[in-house]
């Protein structure tokens, strides 16, 4: 698993970037809204998560406990 922080520079003011928890297959398991510390977990991993045309950095912080 890895944590990615989106750092995409958007042309719109209302498009925030978030942090994403991805499993080893690249599917999104949870996300954390910008400016918060709470992870929002999905019932099933999202296979629709795409990194296309977006920029990310990998965070080196402890992985959250998955409920």
N, C-alpha and C. Protein backbone atom coordinates (compact mmCIF):
# COMPACT_ATOMS: atom_id res chain seq x y z
N UNK A 1 0.84 -1.18 0.00
CA UNK A 1 0.00 0.00 0.00
C UNK A 1 0.89 1.24 0.00
N UNK A 2 0.33 2.33 -0.56
CA UNK A 2 1.08 3.59 -0.56
C UNK A 2 0.10 4.75 -0.48
N UNK A 3 0.62 5.87 0.02
CA UNK A 3 -0.16 7.09 0.15
C UNK A 3 0.36 8.09 -0.87
N UNK A 4 -0.55 8.60 -1.70
CA UNK A 4 -0.19 9.60 -2.70
C UNK A 4 -0.90 10.91 -2.38
N UNK A 5 -0.19 12.02 -2.51
CA UNK A 5 -0.78 13.35 -2.37
C UNK A 5 -0.82 13.97 -3.75
N UNK A 6 -2.00 14.40 -4.15
CA UNK A 6 -2.14 15.05 -5.45
C UNK A 6 -1.59 16.46 -5.37
N UNK A 7 -0.76 16.83 -6.33
CA UNK A 7 -0.15 18.16 -6.39
C UNK A 7 -0.43 18.83 -7.74
N UNK A 8 -1.48 18.39 -8.41
CA UNK A 8 -1.85 18.93 -9.71
C UNK A 8 -2.19 20.40 -9.59
N UNK A 9 -1.70 21.20 -10.51
CA UNK A 9 -2.05 22.61 -10.57
C UNK A 9 -3.23 22.76 -11.53
N UNK A 10 -4.41 23.03 -10.97
CA UNK A 10 -5.63 23.12 -11.76
C UNK A 10 -5.85 24.56 -12.22
N UNK A 11 -6.54 24.72 -13.35
CA UNK A 11 -6.90 26.03 -13.87
C UNK A 11 -8.11 26.61 -13.14
N UNK A 12 -8.77 25.79 -12.32
CA UNK A 12 -9.98 26.21 -11.60
C UNK A 12 -9.64 26.43 -10.13
N UNK A 13 -10.31 27.36 -9.49
CA UNK A 13 -10.09 27.62 -8.08
C UNK A 13 -10.80 26.63 -7.18
N UNK A 14 -11.83 25.97 -7.66
CA UNK A 14 -12.66 25.12 -6.82
C UNK A 14 -12.27 23.65 -6.84
N UNK A 15 -11.20 23.29 -7.50
CA UNK A 15 -10.78 21.88 -7.59
C UNK A 15 -9.69 21.60 -6.56
N UNK A 16 -10.03 21.05 -5.39
CA UNK A 16 -9.01 20.77 -4.38
C UNK A 16 -8.28 19.46 -4.67
N UNK A 17 -7.07 19.36 -4.16
CA UNK A 17 -6.30 18.13 -4.24
C UNK A 17 -6.44 17.39 -2.92
N UNK A 18 -6.37 16.07 -2.95
CA UNK A 18 -6.53 15.26 -1.75
C UNK A 18 -5.39 14.24 -1.65
N UNK A 19 -5.38 13.48 -0.55
CA UNK A 19 -4.46 12.36 -0.38
C UNK A 19 -5.23 11.07 -0.64
N UNK A 20 -4.55 10.10 -1.23
CA UNK A 20 -5.20 8.84 -1.60
C UNK A 20 -4.40 7.66 -1.08
N UNK A 21 -5.09 6.67 -0.54
CA UNK A 21 -4.47 5.42 -0.10
C UNK A 21 -4.77 4.38 -1.16
N UNK A 22 -3.71 3.88 -1.80
CA UNK A 22 -3.88 2.90 -2.88
C UNK A 22 -3.35 1.54 -2.43
N UNK A 23 -4.05 0.49 -2.86
CA UNK A 23 -3.54 -0.85 -2.57
C UNK A 23 -2.47 -1.22 -3.59
N UNK A 24 -1.94 -2.42 -3.49
CA UNK A 24 -0.84 -2.84 -4.37
C UNK A 24 -1.26 -2.94 -5.84
N UNK A 25 -2.57 -3.02 -6.10
CA UNK A 25 -3.06 -3.08 -7.48
C UNK A 25 -3.34 -1.69 -8.06
N UNK A 26 -3.14 -0.63 -7.25
CA UNK A 26 -3.39 0.73 -7.70
C UNK A 26 -4.83 1.17 -7.55
N UNK A 27 -5.63 0.39 -6.83
CA UNK A 27 -7.02 0.76 -6.59
C UNK A 27 -7.12 1.59 -5.32
N UNK A 28 -7.99 2.62 -5.33
CA UNK A 28 -8.13 3.51 -4.18
C UNK A 28 -8.93 2.82 -3.08
N UNK A 29 -8.33 2.76 -1.89
CA UNK A 29 -8.95 2.15 -0.73
C UNK A 29 -9.58 3.22 0.16
N UNK A 30 -8.95 4.41 0.21
CA UNK A 30 -9.44 5.51 1.04
C UNK A 30 -8.88 6.82 0.51
N UNK A 31 -9.48 7.92 0.97
CA UNK A 31 -8.96 9.24 0.65
C UNK A 31 -9.11 10.14 1.86
N UNK A 32 -8.29 11.18 1.88
CA UNK A 32 -8.30 12.16 2.96
C UNK A 32 -8.42 13.53 2.30
N UNK A 33 -9.47 14.26 2.67
CA UNK A 33 -9.69 15.58 2.08
C UNK A 33 -8.59 16.54 2.51
N UNK A 34 -8.27 17.47 1.62
CA UNK A 34 -7.24 18.47 1.90
C UNK A 34 -7.59 19.23 3.19
N UNK A 35 -6.62 19.36 4.07
CA UNK A 35 -6.81 20.13 5.29
C UNK A 35 -7.40 19.35 6.44
N UNK A 36 -7.65 18.04 6.26
CA UNK A 36 -8.19 17.22 7.34
C UNK A 36 -7.23 16.08 7.66
N UNK A 37 -7.47 15.38 8.75
CA UNK A 37 -6.62 14.25 9.11
C UNK A 37 -7.38 12.93 9.09
N UNK A 38 -8.68 12.97 8.80
CA UNK A 38 -9.51 11.77 8.83
C UNK A 38 -9.54 11.09 7.46
N UNK A 39 -9.26 9.79 7.46
CA UNK A 39 -9.34 8.99 6.24
C UNK A 39 -10.77 8.53 6.04
N UNK A 40 -11.27 8.60 4.82
CA UNK A 40 -12.60 8.12 4.46
C UNK A 40 -12.41 6.84 3.64
N UNK A 41 -12.78 5.71 4.24
CA UNK A 41 -12.55 4.41 3.61
C UNK A 41 -13.74 4.01 2.74
N UNK A 42 -13.45 3.35 1.65
CA UNK A 42 -14.46 2.83 0.74
C UNK A 42 -14.83 1.41 1.18
N UNK A 43 -16.06 0.99 0.87
CA UNK A 43 -16.47 -0.38 1.19
C UNK A 43 -15.70 -1.38 0.34
N UNK A 44 -15.47 -1.03 -0.92
CA UNK A 44 -14.67 -1.84 -1.82
C UNK A 44 -13.68 -0.92 -2.53
N UNK A 45 -12.49 -1.41 -2.86
CA UNK A 45 -11.51 -0.57 -3.56
C UNK A 45 -12.05 -0.07 -4.90
N UNK A 46 -11.79 1.18 -5.21
CA UNK A 46 -12.25 1.78 -6.46
C UNK A 46 -11.28 1.46 -7.58
N UNK A 47 -11.78 0.78 -8.59
CA UNK A 47 -10.97 0.47 -9.76
C UNK A 47 -10.98 1.62 -10.75
N UNK A 48 -11.81 2.64 -10.51
CA UNK A 48 -11.94 3.76 -11.43
C UNK A 48 -10.95 4.89 -11.16
N UNK A 49 -10.17 4.78 -10.08
CA UNK A 49 -9.19 5.81 -9.76
C UNK A 49 -8.15 5.88 -10.87
N UNK A 50 -7.89 7.08 -11.36
CA UNK A 50 -6.94 7.26 -12.45
C UNK A 50 -5.92 8.34 -12.11
N UNK A 51 -4.67 8.09 -12.47
CA UNK A 51 -3.61 9.08 -12.28
C UNK A 51 -3.33 9.85 -13.56
N UNK A 52 -4.13 9.61 -14.60
CA UNK A 52 -3.93 10.26 -15.89
C UNK A 52 -4.10 11.78 -15.77
N UNK A 53 -3.19 12.53 -16.35
CA UNK A 53 -3.19 13.99 -16.40
C UNK A 53 -3.21 14.63 -15.01
N UNK A 54 -2.75 13.91 -14.01
CA UNK A 54 -2.67 14.42 -12.64
C UNK A 54 -1.26 14.17 -12.13
N UNK A 55 -0.83 14.97 -11.15
CA UNK A 55 0.52 14.82 -10.60
C UNK A 55 0.40 14.45 -9.12
N UNK A 56 1.29 13.56 -8.68
CA UNK A 56 1.28 13.06 -7.31
C UNK A 56 2.69 12.98 -6.76
N UNK A 57 2.78 13.05 -5.43
CA UNK A 57 4.01 12.71 -4.73
C UNK A 57 3.64 11.63 -3.73
N UNK A 58 4.59 10.76 -3.44
CA UNK A 58 4.34 9.69 -2.47
C UNK A 58 4.73 10.19 -1.08
N UNK A 59 3.82 10.04 -0.13
CA UNK A 59 4.08 10.47 1.24
C UNK A 59 4.71 9.34 2.03
N UNK A 60 5.62 9.69 2.91
CA UNK A 60 6.27 8.71 3.78
C UNK A 60 5.76 8.94 5.19
N UNK A 61 4.57 8.43 5.46
CA UNK A 61 3.96 8.52 6.77
C UNK A 61 3.34 7.15 7.07
N UNK A 62 3.10 6.87 8.34
CA UNK A 62 2.52 5.56 8.68
C UNK A 62 1.17 5.35 7.97
N UNK A 63 0.96 4.14 7.53
CA UNK A 63 -0.32 3.81 6.88
C UNK A 63 -1.43 3.80 7.92
N UNK A 64 -2.62 4.27 7.57
CA UNK A 64 -3.73 4.23 8.49
C UNK A 64 -4.21 2.80 8.73
N UNK A 65 -4.86 2.58 9.85
CA UNK A 65 -5.43 1.26 10.14
C UNK A 65 -6.73 1.12 9.38
N UNK A 66 -6.83 0.07 8.59
CA UNK A 66 -8.00 -0.13 7.76
C UNK A 66 -9.07 -0.85 8.59
N UNK A 67 -10.26 -0.26 8.66
CA UNK A 67 -11.33 -0.88 9.48
C UNK A 67 -11.84 -2.18 8.88
